[in-house]
Amino acid sequence: MEAFRKYFNEQQLQELANTGPNWGVNLKTLGHHEHPPQVAYPDPQHPSSHAFQWSEGRTLQEFQLVYIAQGGGIYESEQTGELRVATGTLMLHFPGIWHRYQPNQETGWEEF
């Protein structure tokens, strides 16, 4: 079975921004991805503005929320060191903070 994935592109996000109330929050990316076991992460279709290599990690210029609905993996930042990520974890990334994360090779994960 092919994993469902959907990332909204900039045009779709702009259309969403123009149709609802302005709460003072701007979405840069929004998506869902089921990452299967034994596959390199991140997926090649990951939004280029947020793609990274494990060996380098990344630093974002905005807040990011990542919810892990199934599976598990690891998260690492300069401030936290390496942490275990389990089903139900909500990761909050702060602007200007180097970090990296990935699913376990044995389990993969589902992320929002």
PDB file of N, CA and C in Angstrom:
ATOM      1  N   MET A   1       0.841  -1.177   0.000  1.00  0.00           N
ATOM      2  CA  MET A   1       0.000   0.000   0.000  1.00  0.00           C
ATOM      3  C   MET A   1       0.889   1.245   0.000  1.00  0.00           C
ATOM      4  N   GLU A   2       0.559   2.213  -0.842  1.00  0.00           N
ATOM      5  CA  GLU A   2       1.335   3.450  -0.898  1.00  0.00           C
ATOM      6  C   GLU A   2       0.954   4.353   0.269  1.00  0.00           C
ATOM      7  N   ALA A   3       1.956   4.929   0.906  1.00  0.00           N
ATOM      8  CA  ALA A   3       1.717   5.818   2.041  1.00  0.00           C
ATOM      9  C   ALA A   3       1.060   7.105   1.562  1.00  0.00           C
ATOM     10  N   PHE A   4       0.045   7.556   2.300  1.00  0.00           N
ATOM     11  CA  PHE A   4      -0.596   8.824   1.988  1.00  0.00           C
ATOM     12  C   PHE A   4       0.316   9.964   2.416  1.00  0.00           C
ATOM     13  N   ARG A   5       0.427  10.952   1.595  1.00  0.00           N
ATOM     14  CA  ARG A   5       1.170  12.141   1.998  1.00  0.00           C
ATOM     15  C   ARG A   5       0.542  13.346   1.331  1.00  0.00           C
ATOM     16  N   LYS A   6       0.592  14.446   2.025  1.00  0.00           N
ATOM     17  CA  LYS A   6       0.074  15.685   1.463  1.00  0.00           C
ATOM     18  C   LYS A   6       0.794  16.854   2.105  1.00  0.00           C
ATOM     19  N   TYR A   7       1.450  17.632   1.301  1.00  0.00           N
ATOM     20  CA  TYR A   7       2.013  18.888   1.744  1.00  0.00           C
ATOM     21  C   TYR A   7       1.297  19.979   0.966  1.00  0.00           C
ATOM     22  N   PHE A   8       0.827  21.001   1.640  1.00  0.00           N
ATOM     23  CA  PHE A   8       0.206  22.126   0.966  1.00  0.00           C
ATOM     24  C   PHE A   8       1.298  22.986   0.342  1.00  0.00           C
ATOM     25  N   ASN A   9       1.064  23.421  -0.902  1.00  0.00           N
ATOM     26  CA  ASN A   9       2.034  24.309  -1.518  1.00  0.00           C
ATOM     27  C   ASN A   9       1.707  25.756  -1.141  1.00  0.00           C
ATOM     28  N   GLU A  10       2.558  26.702  -1.536  1.00  0.00           N
ATOM     29  CA  GLU A  10       2.372  28.099  -1.131  1.00  0.00           C
ATOM     30  C   GLU A  10       1.058  28.680  -1.643  1.00  0.00           C
ATOM     31  N   GLN A  11       0.656  28.316  -2.856  1.00  0.00           N
ATOM     32  CA  GLN A  11      -0.602  28.825  -3.407  1.00  0.00           C
ATOM     33  C   GLN A  11      -1.778  28.339  -2.569  1.00  0.00           C
ATOM     34  N   GLN A  12      -1.786  27.051  -2.197  1.00  0.00           N
ATOM     35  CA  GLN A  12      -2.871  26.524  -1.370  1.00  0.00           C
ATOM     36  C   GLN A  12      -2.910  27.201  -0.003  1.00  0.00           C
ATOM     37  N   LEU A  13      -1.737  27.432   0.606  1.00  0.00           N
ATOM     38  CA  LEU A  13      -1.700  28.112   1.898  1.00  0.00           C
ATOM     39  C   LEU A  13      -2.210  29.543   1.780  1.00  0.00           C
ATOM     40  N   GLN A  14      -1.885  30.224   0.687  1.00  0.00           N
ATOM     41  CA  GLN A  14      -2.372  31.590   0.480  1.00  0.00           C
ATOM     42  C   GLN A  14      -3.886  31.602   0.331  1.00  0.00           C
ATOM     43  N   GLU A  15      -4.436  30.614  -0.397  1.00  0.00           N
ATOM     44  CA  GLU A  15      -5.891  30.516  -0.541  1.00  0.00           C
ATOM     45  C   GLU A  15      -6.556  30.296   0.815  1.00  0.00           C
ATOM     46  N   LEU A  16      -5.954  29.446   1.653  1.00  0.00           N
ATOM     47  CA  LEU A  16      -6.487  29.235   3.000  1.00  0.00           C
ATOM     48  C   LEU A  16      -6.428  30.527   3.813  1.00  0.00           C
ATOM     49  N   ALA A  17      -5.338  31.281   3.681  1.00  0.00           N
ATOM     50  CA  ALA A  17      -5.173  32.527   4.434  1.00  0.00           C
ATOM     51  C   ALA A  17      -6.222  33.562   4.041  1.00  0.00           C
ATOM     52  N   ASN A  18      -6.659  33.521   2.790  1.00  0.00           N
ATOM     53  CA  ASN A  18      -7.609  34.509   2.294  1.00  0.00           C
ATOM     54  C   ASN A  18      -9.065  34.145   2.570  1.00  0.00           C
ATOM     55  N   THR A  19      -9.324  32.950   3.093  1.00  0.00           N
ATOM     56  CA  THR A  19     -10.705  32.514   3.264  1.00  0.00           C
ATOM     57  C   THR A  19     -11.172  32.481   4.711  1.00  0.00           C
ATOM     58  N   GLY A  20     -10.296  32.706   5.650  1.00  0.00           N
ATOM     59  CA  GLY A  20     -10.694  32.592   7.049  1.00  0.00           C
ATOM     60  C   GLY A  20     -10.320  33.809   7.848  1.00  0.00           C
ATOM     61  N   PRO A  21     -10.578  33.746   9.153  1.00  0.00           N
ATOM     62  CA  PRO A  21     -10.210  34.874  10.009  1.00  0.00           C
ATOM     63  C   PRO A  21      -8.689  34.994  10.145  1.00  0.00           C
ATOM     64  N   ASN A  22      -8.200  36.194  10.397  1.00  0.00           N
ATOM     65  CA  ASN A  22      -6.778  36.427  10.598  1.00  0.00           C
ATOM     66  C   ASN A  22      -6.490  36.360  12.091  1.00  0.00           C
ATOM     67  N   TRP A  23      -5.815  35.302  12.523  1.00  0.00           N
ATOM     68  CA  TRP A  23      -5.492  35.104  13.931  1.00  0.00           C
ATOM     69  C   TRP A  23      -4.069  35.549  14.244  1.00  0.00           C
ATOM     70  N   GLY A  24      -3.399  36.175  13.268  1.00  0.00           N
ATOM     71  CA  GLY A  24      -2.042  36.642  13.494  1.00  0.00           C
ATOM     72  C   GLY A  24      -0.997  35.546  13.407  1.00  0.00           C
ATOM     73  N   VAL A  25      -1.351  34.412  12.820  1.00  0.00           N
ATOM     74  CA  VAL A  25      -0.432  33.291  12.661  1.00  0.00           C
ATOM     75  C   VAL A  25      -0.342  32.975  11.175  1.00  0.00           C
ATOM     76  N   ASN A  26       0.866  32.845  10.661  1.00  0.00           N
ATOM     77  CA  ASN A  26       1.062  32.508   9.256  1.00  0.00           C
ATOM     78  C   ASN A  26       1.635  31.112   9.149  1.00  0.00           C
ATOM     79  N   LEU A  27       1.013  30.260   8.333  1.00  0.00           N
ATOM     80  CA  LEU A  27       1.514  28.912   8.094  1.00  0.00           C
ATOM     81  C   LEU A  27       2.466  28.939   6.914  1.00  0.00           C
ATOM     82  N   LYS A  28       3.641  28.340   7.093  1.00  0.00           N
ATOM     83  CA  LYS A  28       4.611  28.230   6.005  1.00  0.00           C
ATOM     84  C   LYS A  28       4.477  26.892   5.300  1.00  0.00           C
ATOM     85  N   THR A  29       4.263  25.832   6.074  1.00  0.00           N
ATOM     86  CA  THR A  29       4.021  24.508   5.514  1.00  0.00           C
ATOM     87  C   THR A  29       3.015  23.802   6.415  1.00  0.00           C
ATOM     88  N   LEU A  30       2.339  22.835   5.848  1.00  0.00           N
ATOM     89  CA  LEU A  30       1.363  22.046   6.582  1.00  0.00           C
ATOM     90  C   LEU A  30       1.298  20.707   5.882  1.00  0.00           C
ATOM     91  N   GLY A  31       1.322  19.619   6.636  1.00  0.00           N
ATOM     92  CA  GLY A  31       1.300  18.346   5.943  1.00  0.00           C
ATOM     93  C   GLY A  31       1.151  17.152   6.844  1.00  0.00           C
ATOM     94  N   HIS A  32       1.083  16.001   6.194  1.00  0.00           N
ATOM     95  CA  HIS A  32       0.945  14.698   6.833  1.00  0.00           C
ATOM     96  C   HIS A  32       1.781  13.721   6.029  1.00  0.00           C
ATOM     97  N   HIS A  33       2.505  12.866   6.728  1.00  0.00           N
ATOM     98  CA  HIS A  33       3.338  11.896   6.016  1.00  0.00           C
ATOM     99  C   HIS A  33       3.456  10.611   6.828  1.00  0.00           C
ATOM    100  N   GLU A  34       3.251   9.486   6.183  1.00  0.00           N
ATOM    101  CA  GLU A  34       3.506   8.175   6.782  1.00  0.00           C
ATOM    102  C   GLU A  34       4.853   7.708   6.248  1.00  0.00           C
ATOM    103  N   HIS A  35       5.848   7.721   7.106  1.00  0.00           N
ATOM    104  CA  HIS A  35       7.197   7.350   6.687  1.00  0.00           C
ATOM    105  C   HIS A  35       7.440   5.879   7.026  1.00  0.00           C
ATOM    106  N   PRO A  36       7.570   5.009   6.020  1.00  0.00           N
ATOM    107  CA  PRO A  36       7.707   3.574   6.276  1.00  0.00           C
ATOM    108  C   PRO A  36       9.070   3.197   6.847  1.00  0.00           C
ATOM    109  N   PRO A  37       9.155   2.017   7.463  1.00  0.00           N
ATOM    110  CA  PRO A  37      10.441   1.526   7.968  1.00  0.00           C
ATOM    111  C   PRO A  37      11.451   1.334   6.836  1.00  0.00           C
ATOM    112  N   GLN A  38      12.734   1.374   7.194  1.00  0.00           N
ATOM    113  CA  GLN A  38      13.846   1.074   6.284  1.00  0.00           C
ATOM    114  C   GLN A  38      13.937   2.004   5.077  1.00  0.00           C
ATOM    115  N   VAL A  39      13.476   3.248   5.220  1.00  0.00           N
ATOM    116  CA  VAL A  39      13.535   4.236   4.141  1.00  0.00           C
ATOM    117  C   VAL A  39      14.240   5.469   4.674  1.00  0.00           C
ATOM    118  N   ALA A  40      15.127   6.061   3.860  1.00  0.00           N
ATOM    119  CA  ALA A  40      15.866   7.252   4.287  1.00  0.00           C
ATOM    120  C   ALA A  40      14.914   8.399   4.612  1.00  0.00           C
ATOM    121  N   TYR A  41      15.300   9.205   5.590  1.00  0.00           N
ATOM    122  CA  TYR A  41      14.489  10.335   6.043  1.00  0.00           C
ATOM    123  C   TYR A  41      15.322  11.608   5.975  1.00  0.00           C
ATOM    124  N   PRO A  42      14.775  12.757   5.610  1.00  0.00           N
ATOM    125  CA  PRO A  42      13.385  12.970   5.237  1.00  0.00           C
ATOM    126  C   PRO A  42      13.093  12.525   3.818  1.00  0.00           C
ATOM    127  N   ASP A  43      11.835  12.371   3.544  1.00  0.00           N
ATOM    128  CA  ASP A  43      11.340  11.958   2.242  1.00  0.00           C
ATOM    129  C   ASP A  43      11.749  12.980   1.178  1.00  0.00           C
ATOM    130  N   PRO A  44      12.074  12.543  -0.041  1.00  0.00           N
ATOM    131  CA  PRO A  44      12.451  13.486  -1.100  1.00  0.00           C
ATOM    132  C   PRO A  44      11.377  14.541  -1.399  1.00  0.00           C
ATOM    133  N   GLN A  45      10.112  14.258  -1.072  1.00  0.00           N
ATOM    134  CA  GLN A  45       9.043  15.225  -1.311  1.00  0.00           C
ATOM    135  C   GLN A  45       8.843  16.186  -0.137  1.00  0.00           C
ATOM    136  N   HIS A  46       9.699  16.072   0.887  1.00  0.00           N
ATOM    137  CA  HIS A  46       9.649  16.998   2.015  1.00  0.00           C
ATOM    138  C   HIS A  46       9.796  18.420   1.469  1.00  0.00           C
ATOM    139  N   PRO A  47       9.047  19.393   1.978  1.00  0.00           N
ATOM    140  CA  PRO A  47       9.188  20.761   1.449  1.00  0.00           C
ATOM    141  C   PRO A  47      10.646  21.226   1.496  1.00  0.00           C
ATOM    142  N   SER A  48      11.140  21.750   0.387  1.00  0.00           N
ATOM    143  CA  SER A  48      12.555  22.124   0.296  1.00  0.00           C
ATOM    144  C   SER A  48      12.952  23.154   1.351  1.00  0.00           C
ATOM    145  N   SER A  49      12.020  24.010   1.755  1.00  0.00           N
ATOM    146  CA  SER A  49      12.339  25.033   2.753  1.00  0.00           C
ATOM    147  C   SER A  49      12.625  24.435   4.128  1.00  0.00           C
ATOM    148  N   HIS A  50      12.243  23.168   4.332  1.00  0.00           N
ATOM    149  CA  HIS A  50      12.433  22.530   5.633  1.00  0.00           C
ATOM    150  C   HIS A  50      13.228  21.227   5.551  1.00  0.00           C
ATOM    151  N   ALA A  51      13.760  20.911   4.376  1.00  0.00           N
ATOM    152  CA  ALA A  51      14.540  19.687   4.201  1.00  0.00           C
ATOM    153  C   ALA A  51      15.887  19.815   4.906  1.00  0.00           C
ATOM    154  N   PHE A  52      16.459  18.695   5.286  1.00  0.00           N
ATOM    155  CA  PHE A  52      17.760  18.696   5.945  1.00  0.00           C
ATOM    156  C   PHE A  52      18.404  17.326   5.810  1.00  0.00           C
ATOM    157  N   GLN A  53      19.712  17.280   6.038  1.00  0.00           N
ATOM    158  CA  GLN A  53      20.468  16.034   6.102  1.00  0.00           C
ATOM    159  C   GLN A  53      20.746  15.738   7.571  1.00  0.00           C
ATOM    160  N   TRP A  54      20.651  14.477   7.979  1.00  0.00           N
ATOM    161  CA  TRP A  54      20.873  14.117   9.374  1.00  0.00           C
ATOM    162  C   TRP A  54      22.236  14.612   9.864  1.00  0.00           C
ATOM    163  N   SER A  55      23.262  14.456   9.039  1.00  0.00           N
ATOM    164  CA  SER A  55      24.615  14.824   9.464  1.00  0.00           C
ATOM    165  C   SER A  55      24.755  16.323   9.742  1.00  0.00           C
ATOM    166  N   GLU A  56      23.900  17.136   9.148  1.00  0.00           N
ATOM    167  CA  GLU A  56      23.991  18.586   9.313  1.00  0.00           C
ATOM    168  C   GLU A  56      22.915  19.170  10.216  1.00  0.00           C
ATOM    169  N   GLY A  57      21.764  18.500  10.328  1.00  0.00           N
ATOM    170  CA  GLY A  57      20.643  19.071  11.060  1.00  0.00           C
ATOM    171  C   GLY A  57      20.168  20.332  10.365  1.00  0.00           C
ATOM    172  N   ARG A  58      19.450  21.180  11.105  1.00  0.00           N
ATOM    173  CA  ARG A  58      18.973  22.426  10.508  1.00  0.00           C
ATOM    174  C   ARG A  58      18.616  23.426  11.596  1.00  0.00           C
ATOM    175  N   THR A  59      18.500  24.683  11.184  1.00  0.00           N
ATOM    176  CA  THR A  59      18.037  25.769  12.034  1.00  0.00           C
ATOM    177  C   THR A  59      16.941  26.491  11.264  1.00  0.00           C
ATOM    178  N   LEU A  60      15.745  26.542  11.812  1.00  0.00           N
ATOM    179  CA  LEU A  60      14.626  27.219  11.163  1.00  0.00           C
ATOM    180  C   LEU A  60      14.525  28.657  11.653  1.00  0.00           C
ATOM    181  N   GLN A  61      13.834  29.483  10.890  1.00  0.00           N
ATOM    182  CA  GLN A  61      13.632  30.879  11.275  1.00  0.00           C
ATOM    183  C   GLN A  61      12.222  31.113  11.813  1.00  0.00           C
ATOM    184  N   GLU A  62      11.489  30.037  12.048  1.00  0.00           N
ATOM    185  CA  GLU A  62      10.137  30.135  12.583  1.00  0.00           C
ATOM    186  C   GLU A  62       9.882  28.975  13.531  1.00  0.00           C
ATOM    187  N   PHE A  63       8.777  29.057  14.257  1.00  0.00           N
ATOM    188  CA  PHE A  63       8.355  27.938  15.092  1.00  0.00           C
ATOM    189  C   PHE A  63       7.850  26.810  14.204  1.00  0.00           C
ATOM    190  N   GLN A  64       7.972  25.578  14.685  1.00  0.00           N
ATOM    191  CA  GLN A  64       7.436  24.430  13.971  1.00  0.00           C
ATOM    192  C   GLN A  64       6.890  23.448  14.993  1.00  0.00           C
ATOM    193  N   LEU A  65       5.717  22.902  14.694  1.00  0.00           N
ATOM    194  CA  LEU A  65       5.126  21.830  15.493  1.00  0.00           C
ATOM    195  C   LEU A  65       5.132  20.563  14.655  1.00  0.00           C
ATOM    196  N   VAL A  66       5.580  19.462  15.228  1.00  0.00           N
ATOM    197  CA  VAL A  66       5.535  18.161  14.562  1.00  0.00           C
ATOM    198  C   VAL A  66       4.928  17.178  15.549  1.00  0.00           C
ATOM    199  N   TYR A  67       3.815  16.557  15.153  1.00  0.00           N
ATOM    200  CA  TYR A  67       3.143  15.569  15.994  1.00  0.00           C
ATOM    201  C   TYR A  67       3.413  14.184  15.422  1.00  0.00           C
ATOM    202  N   ILE A  68       3.883  13.265  16.263  1.00  0.00           N
ATOM    203  CA  ILE A  68       4.140  11.886  15.844  1.00  0.00           C
ATOM    204  C   ILE A  68       2.949  11.031  16.296  1.00  0.00           C
ATOM    205  N   ALA A  69       2.128  10.632  15.328  1.00  0.00           N
ATOM    206  CA  ALA A  69       0.901   9.899  15.630  1.00  0.00           C
ATOM    207  C   ALA A  69       1.147   8.405  15.824  1.00  0.00           C
ATOM    208  N   GLN A  70       2.140   7.869  15.155  1.00  0.00           N
ATOM    209  CA  GLN A  70       2.487   6.445  15.277  1.00  0.00           C
ATOM    210  C   GLN A  70       3.984   6.292  15.065  1.00  0.00           C
ATOM    211  N   GLY A  71       4.554   5.260  15.679  1.00  0.00           N
ATOM    212  CA  GLY A  71       5.971   4.975  15.506  1.00  0.00           C
ATOM    213  C   GLY A  71       6.813   5.720  16.518  1.00  0.00           C
ATOM    214  N   GLY A  72       8.086   5.826  16.219  1.00  0.00           N
ATOM    215  CA  GLY A  72       9.006   6.488  17.130  1.00  0.00           C
ATOM    216  C   GLY A  72      10.322   6.781  16.455  1.00  0.00           C
ATOM    217  N   GLY A  73      11.193   7.482  17.175  1.00  0.00           N
ATOM    218  CA  GLY A  73      12.484   7.843  16.626  1.00  0.00           C
ATOM    219  C   GLY A  73      13.305   8.607  17.640  1.00  0.00           C
ATOM    220  N   ILE A  74      14.151   9.511  17.130  1.00  0.00           N
ATOM    221  CA  ILE A  74      14.989  10.314  18.014  1.00  0.00           C
ATOM    222  C   ILE A  74      14.952  11.778  17.583  1.00  0.00           C
ATOM    223  N   TYR A  75      15.184  12.637  18.565  1.00  0.00           N
ATOM    224  CA  TYR A  75      15.273  14.076  18.377  1.00  0.00           C
ATOM    225  C   TYR A  75      16.549  14.533  19.070  1.00  0.00           C
ATOM    226  N   GLU A  76      17.208  15.512  18.482  1.00  0.00           N
ATOM    227  CA  GLU A  76      18.410  16.040  19.108  1.00  0.00           C
ATOM    228  C   GLU A  76      18.512  17.534  18.840  1.00  0.00           C
ATOM    229  N   SER A  77      18.914  18.291  19.870  1.00  0.00           N
ATOM    230  CA  SER A  77      19.249  19.703  19.719  1.00  0.00           C
ATOM    231  C   SER A  77      20.434  19.986  20.640  1.00  0.00           C
ATOM    232  N   GLU A  78      21.040  21.141  20.451  1.00  0.00           N
ATOM    233  CA  GLU A  78      22.162  21.524  21.326  1.00  0.00           C
ATOM    234  C   GLU A  78      21.695  21.642  22.773  1.00  0.00           C
ATOM    235  N   GLN A  79      20.475  22.120  22.976  1.00  0.00           N
ATOM    236  CA  GLN A  79      19.957  22.345  24.312  1.00  0.00           C
ATOM    237  C   GLN A  79      19.523  21.063  25.022  1.00  0.00           C
ATOM    238  N   THR A  80      19.004  20.090  24.272  1.00  0.00           N
ATOM    239  CA  THR A  80      18.428  18.900  24.906  1.00  0.00           C
ATOM    240  C   THR A  80      19.315  17.667  24.838  1.00  0.00           C
ATOM    241  N   GLY A  81      20.260  17.632  23.899  1.00  0.00           N
ATOM    242  CA  GLY A  81      20.949  16.376  23.619  1.00  0.00           C
ATOM    243  C   GLY A  81      19.989  15.458  22.893  1.00  0.00           C
ATOM    244  N   GLU A  82      20.277  14.178  22.873  1.00  0.00           N
ATOM    245  CA  GLU A  82      19.435  13.217  22.165  1.00  0.00           C
ATOM    246  C   GLU A  82      18.281  12.763  23.051  1.00  0.00           C
ATOM    247  N   LEU A  83      17.057  12.789  22.494  1.00  0.00           N
ATOM    248  CA  LEU A  83      15.851  12.375  23.211  1.00  0.00           C
ATOM    249  C   LEU A  83      15.088  11.340  22.405  1.00  0.00           C
ATOM    250  N   ARG A  84      14.413  10.437  23.096  1.00  0.00           N
ATOM    251  CA  ARG A  84      13.560   9.449  22.458  1.00  0.00           C
ATOM    252  C   ARG A  84      12.244  10.096  22.065  1.00  0.00           C
ATOM    253  N   VAL A  85      11.757   9.793  20.871  1.00  0.00           N
ATOM    254  CA  VAL A  85      10.467  10.265  20.380  1.00  0.00           C
ATOM    255  C   VAL A  85       9.552   9.044  20.285  1.00  0.00           C
ATOM    256  N   ALA A  86       8.385   9.113  20.916  1.00  0.00           N
ATOM    257  CA  ALA A  86       7.439   7.994  20.931  1.00  0.00           C
ATOM    258  C   ALA A  86       6.105   8.443  20.343  1.00  0.00           C
ATOM    259  N   THR A  87       5.239   7.490  20.057  1.00  0.00           N
ATOM    260  CA  THR A  87       3.882   7.797  19.614  1.00  0.00           C
ATOM    261  C   THR A  87       3.253   8.798  20.578  1.00  0.00           C
ATOM    262  N   GLY A  88       2.641   9.835  20.026  1.00  0.00           N
ATOM    263  CA  GLY A  88       2.000  10.856  20.841  1.00  0.00           C
ATOM    264  C   GLY A  88       2.889  12.037  21.167  1.00  0.00           C
ATOM    265  N   THR A  89       4.138  12.014  20.729  1.00  0.00           N
ATOM    266  CA  THR A  89       5.057  13.128  20.986  1.00  0.00           C
ATOM    267  C   THR A  89       4.694  14.325  20.114  1.00  0.00           C
ATOM    268  N   LEU A  90       4.695  15.513  20.717  1.00  0.00           N
ATOM    269  CA  LEU A  90       4.549  16.765  19.991  1.00  0.00           C
ATOM    270  C   LEU A  90       5.857  17.528  20.148  1.00  0.00           C
ATOM    271  N   MET A  91       6.560  17.719  19.036  1.00  0.00           N
ATOM    272  CA  MET A  91       7.829  18.442  19.068  1.00  0.00           C
ATOM    273  C   MET A  91       7.580  19.902  18.711  1.00  0.00           C
ATOM    274  N   LEU A  92       8.085  20.804  19.525  1.00  0.00           N
ATOM    275  CA  LEU A  92       8.002  22.237  19.261  1.00  0.00           C
ATOM    276  C   LEU A  92       9.416  22.747  19.008  1.00  0.00           C
ATOM    277  N   HIS A  93       9.672  23.182  17.788  1.00  0.00           N
ATOM    278  CA  HIS A  93      10.980  23.706  17.417  1.00  0.00           C
ATOM    279  C   HIS A  93      10.925  25.221  17.464  1.00  0.00           C
ATOM    280  N   PHE A  94      11.927  25.821  18.083  1.00  0.00           N
ATOM    281  CA  PHE A  94      12.005  27.270  18.218  1.00  0.00           C
ATOM    282  C   PHE A  94      12.896  27.870  17.141  1.00  0.00           C
ATOM    283  N   PRO A  95      12.614  29.103  16.716  1.00  0.00           N
ATOM    284  CA  PRO A  95      13.468  29.758  15.717  1.00  0.00           C
ATOM    285  C   PRO A  95      14.911  29.879  16.215  1.00  0.00           C
ATOM    286  N   GLY A  96      15.848  29.679  15.287  1.00  0.00           N
ATOM    287  CA  GLY A  96      17.255  29.877  15.596  1.00  0.00           C
ATOM    288  C   GLY A  96      17.911  28.769  16.400  1.00  0.00           C
ATOM    289  N   ILE A  97      17.223  27.666  16.641  1.00  0.00           N
ATOM    290  CA  ILE A  97      17.754  26.551  17.433  1.00  0.00           C
ATOM    291  C   ILE A  97      18.096  25.386  16.503  1.00  0.00           C
ATOM    292  N   TRP A  98      19.357  24.983  16.490  1.00  0.00           N
ATOM    293  CA  TRP A  98      19.772  23.827  15.689  1.00  0.00           C
ATOM    294  C   TRP A  98      19.112  22.566  16.246  1.00  0.00           C
ATOM    295  N   HIS A  99      18.616  21.713  15.338  1.00  0.00           N
ATOM    296  CA  HIS A  99      18.001  20.456  15.743  1.00  0.00           C
ATOM    297  C   HIS A  99      18.014  19.469  14.572  1.00  0.00           C
ATOM    298  N   ARG A 100      17.686  18.239  14.906  1.00  0.00           N
ATOM    299  CA  ARG A 100      17.485  17.191  13.901  1.00  0.00           C
ATOM    300  C   ARG A 100      16.642  16.098  14.528  1.00  0.00           C
ATOM    301  N   TYR A 101      15.925  15.360  13.709  1.00  0.00           N
ATOM    302  CA  TYR A 101      15.108  14.253  14.191  1.00  0.00           C
ATOM    303  C   TYR A 101      14.878  13.276  13.041  1.00  0.00           C
ATOM    304  N   GLN A 102      14.577  12.040  13.412  1.00  0.00           N
ATOM    305  CA  GLN A 102      14.304  11.026  12.398  1.00  0.00           C
ATOM    306  C   GLN A 102      13.590   9.846  13.033  1.00  0.00           C
ATOM    307  N   PRO A 103      12.810   9.092  12.224  1.00  0.00           N
ATOM    308  CA  PRO A 103      12.139   7.899  12.742  1.00  0.00           C
ATOM    309  C   PRO A 103      13.115   6.735  12.898  1.00  0.00           C
ATOM    310  N   ASN A 104      12.748   5.794  13.750  1.00  0.00           N
ATOM    311  CA  ASN A 104      13.505   4.540  13.860  1.00  0.00           C
ATOM    312  C   ASN A 104      13.431   3.809  12.534  1.00  0.00           C
ATOM    313  N   GLN A 105      14.547   3.224  12.119  1.00  0.00           N
ATOM    314  CA  GLN A 105      14.569   2.440  10.886  1.00  0.00           C
ATOM    315  C   GLN A 105      13.615   1.241  10.957  1.00  0.00           C
ATOM    316  N   GLU A 106      13.434   0.681  12.151  1.00  0.00           N
ATOM    317  CA  GLU A 106      12.599  -0.526  12.310  1.00  0.00           C
ATOM    318  C   GLU A 106      11.105  -0.223  12.277  1.00  0.00           C
ATOM    319  N   THR A 107      10.707   0.979  12.703  1.00  0.00           N
ATOM    320  CA  THR A 107       9.277   1.269  12.821  1.00  0.00           C
ATOM    321  C   THR A 107       8.754   2.324  11.863  1.00  0.00           C
ATOM    322  N   GLY A 108       9.625   3.260  11.445  1.00  0.00           N
ATOM    323  CA  GLY A 108       9.125   4.419  10.707  1.00  0.00           C
ATOM    324  C   GLY A 108       8.233   5.240  11.632  1.00  0.00           C
ATOM    325  N   TRP A 109       7.468   6.178  11.072  1.00  0.00           N
ATOM    326  CA  TRP A 109       6.488   6.920  11.868  1.00  0.00           C
ATOM    327  C   TRP A 109       5.501   7.643  10.993  1.00  0.00           C
ATOM    328  N   GLU A 110       4.420   8.084  11.607  1.00  0.00           N
ATOM    329  CA  GLU A 110       3.424   8.924  10.957  1.00  0.00           C
ATOM    330  C   GLU A 110       3.522  10.293  11.598  1.00  0.00           C
ATOM    331  N   GLU A 111       3.720  11.319  10.781  1.00  0.00           N
ATOM    332  CA  GLU A 111       3.891  12.666  11.317  1.00  0.00           C
ATOM    333  C   GLU A 111       2.888  13.640  10.712  1.00  0.00           C
ATOM    334  N   PHE A 112       2.531  14.605  11.508  1.00  0.00           N
ATOM    335  CA  PHE A 112       1.690  15.720  11.081  1.00  0.00           C
ATOM    336  C   PHE A 112       2.433  17.009  11.371  1.00  0.00           C
TER     337      PHE A 112
END
